[in-house]
Amino acid sequence: MAHIQFTLNDLKRILIEGAGTDEAVDLDGDILDRTFQELGYESLALLETGGRIEREYGIALGDDLLLDGSTPRSLVGAVNDLLNLATEPTR
C-alpha cells in the first residue's frame, strides 16, 4: 500500500471547502501553532473538517483531537500518525 502524507496544504483546502475563512484570517501566514479558535474556526466547523478528513483519508479521528486548543500542527501530525498506522503491514 502506498504511503499517504497529509500536509498543511491539505488541511487548508479542507478547512476552506468545509467552513470557509474569515476575512481577518490569513491561512497563508504562519498558522501551524495557532489554535483553531484563534483562526476563527469554532467547534462545529472543526467537526465538519474532521468528518471531511475521515471520509477523504479513510481514518477515524477522535472529536477531542479537533477541540480543546488543538492547532494545525497537532492535527496534521495526528492525521499522519493514523495514516502511517493504516499503511503498516500486518504481521
Protein backbone atom coordinates (compact mmCIF):
# COMPACT_ATOMS: atom_id res chain seq x y z
CA MET A 1 0.00 0.00 0.00
CA ALA A 2 1.32 3.45 -0.92
CA HIS A 3 2.26 5.85 1.85
CA ILE A 4 -0.09 8.84 2.01
CA GLN A 5 1.04 12.12 3.55
CA PHE A 6 -1.40 14.69 4.95
CA THR A 7 0.02 18.19 4.62
CA LEU A 8 -0.80 21.65 5.87
CA ASN A 9 -1.99 22.48 2.36
CA ASP A 10 -4.41 19.53 2.52
CA LEU A 11 -5.75 20.87 5.82
CA LYS A 12 -6.13 24.40 4.44
CA ARG A 13 -8.04 23.06 1.43
CA ILE A 14 -10.40 21.08 3.64
CA LEU A 15 -10.92 24.00 6.03
CA ILE A 16 -11.79 26.33 3.15
CA GLU A 17 -14.07 23.78 1.44
CA GLY A 18 -15.93 22.94 4.64
CA ALA A 19 -16.09 26.16 6.61
CA GLY A 20 -14.58 28.92 4.51
CA THR A 21 -12.30 31.51 6.01
CA ASP A 22 -12.83 34.68 7.94
CA GLU A 23 -11.53 37.76 6.11
CA ALA A 24 -9.27 38.51 9.08
CA VAL A 25 -7.54 35.12 8.88
CA ASP A 26 -4.59 34.62 6.58
CA LEU A 27 -4.25 30.87 6.13
CA ASP A 28 -1.12 31.53 4.08
CA GLY A 29 0.57 33.04 7.14
CA ASP A 30 2.29 31.21 9.97
CA ILE A 31 -0.67 29.26 11.35
CA LEU A 32 0.88 25.98 12.46
CA ASP A 33 0.90 26.78 16.16
CA ARG A 34 -2.17 29.00 16.41
CA THR A 35 -5.27 27.35 17.85
CA PHE A 36 -8.19 26.78 15.54
CA GLN A 37 -10.21 29.11 17.76
CA GLU A 38 -7.62 31.87 17.17
CA LEU A 39 -8.01 31.23 13.45
CA GLY A 40 -11.77 31.71 13.71
CA TYR A 41 -12.88 28.07 13.49
CA GLU A 42 -15.44 27.03 16.09
CA SER A 43 -16.33 23.52 17.18
CA LEU A 44 -18.97 22.88 14.50
CA ALA A 45 -16.56 23.89 11.72
CA LEU A 46 -13.88 21.67 13.23
CA LEU A 47 -16.21 18.69 13.45
CA GLU A 48 -17.09 19.21 9.77
CA THR A 49 -13.37 19.41 8.99
CA GLY A 50 -12.76 16.17 10.88
CA GLY A 51 -15.57 14.44 9.03
CA ARG A 52 -14.15 15.51 5.69
CA ILE A 53 -10.68 14.26 6.65
CA GLU A 54 -12.14 10.93 7.79
CA ARG A 55 -14.06 10.42 4.55
CA GLU A 56 -11.25 11.51 2.27
CA TYR A 57 -8.46 9.60 4.01
CA GLY A 58 -10.37 6.61 5.41
CA ILE A 59 -9.35 7.12 9.04
CA ALA A 60 -11.21 7.78 12.28
CA LEU A 61 -10.37 10.89 14.28
CA GLY A 62 -11.46 11.41 17.86
CA ASP A 63 -13.55 14.54 18.47
CA ASP A 64 -11.16 15.61 21.24
CA LEU A 65 -8.37 15.81 18.67
CA LEU A 66 -10.16 18.72 16.99
CA LEU A 67 -11.19 20.57 20.11
CA ASP A 68 -9.60 21.92 23.27
CA GLY A 69 -6.89 24.16 21.89
CA SER A 70 -5.68 21.99 19.06
CA THR A 71 -3.54 23.54 16.35
CA PRO A 72 -2.98 22.81 12.68
CA ARG A 73 0.40 21.29 13.62
CA SER A 74 -1.17 18.87 16.10
CA LEU A 75 -3.95 17.88 13.67
CA VAL A 76 -1.60 17.33 10.72
CA GLY A 77 0.67 15.22 12.94
CA ALA A 78 -2.21 13.15 14.32
CA VAL A 79 -3.63 12.51 10.84
CA ASN A 80 -0.22 11.40 9.59
CA ASP A 81 0.21 9.11 12.61
CA LEU A 82 -3.13 7.46 11.80
CA LEU A 83 -2.27 7.20 8.11
CA ASN A 84 1.06 5.56 9.00
CA LEU A 85 -0.74 3.03 11.20
CA ALA A 86 -3.17 2.27 8.40
CA THR A 87 -0.37 1.59 5.91
CA GLU A 88 1.86 -0.52 8.18
CA PRO A 89 1.98 -4.14 7.05
CA THR A 90 0.30 -6.59 9.40
CA ARG A 91 2.33 -9.47 10.71
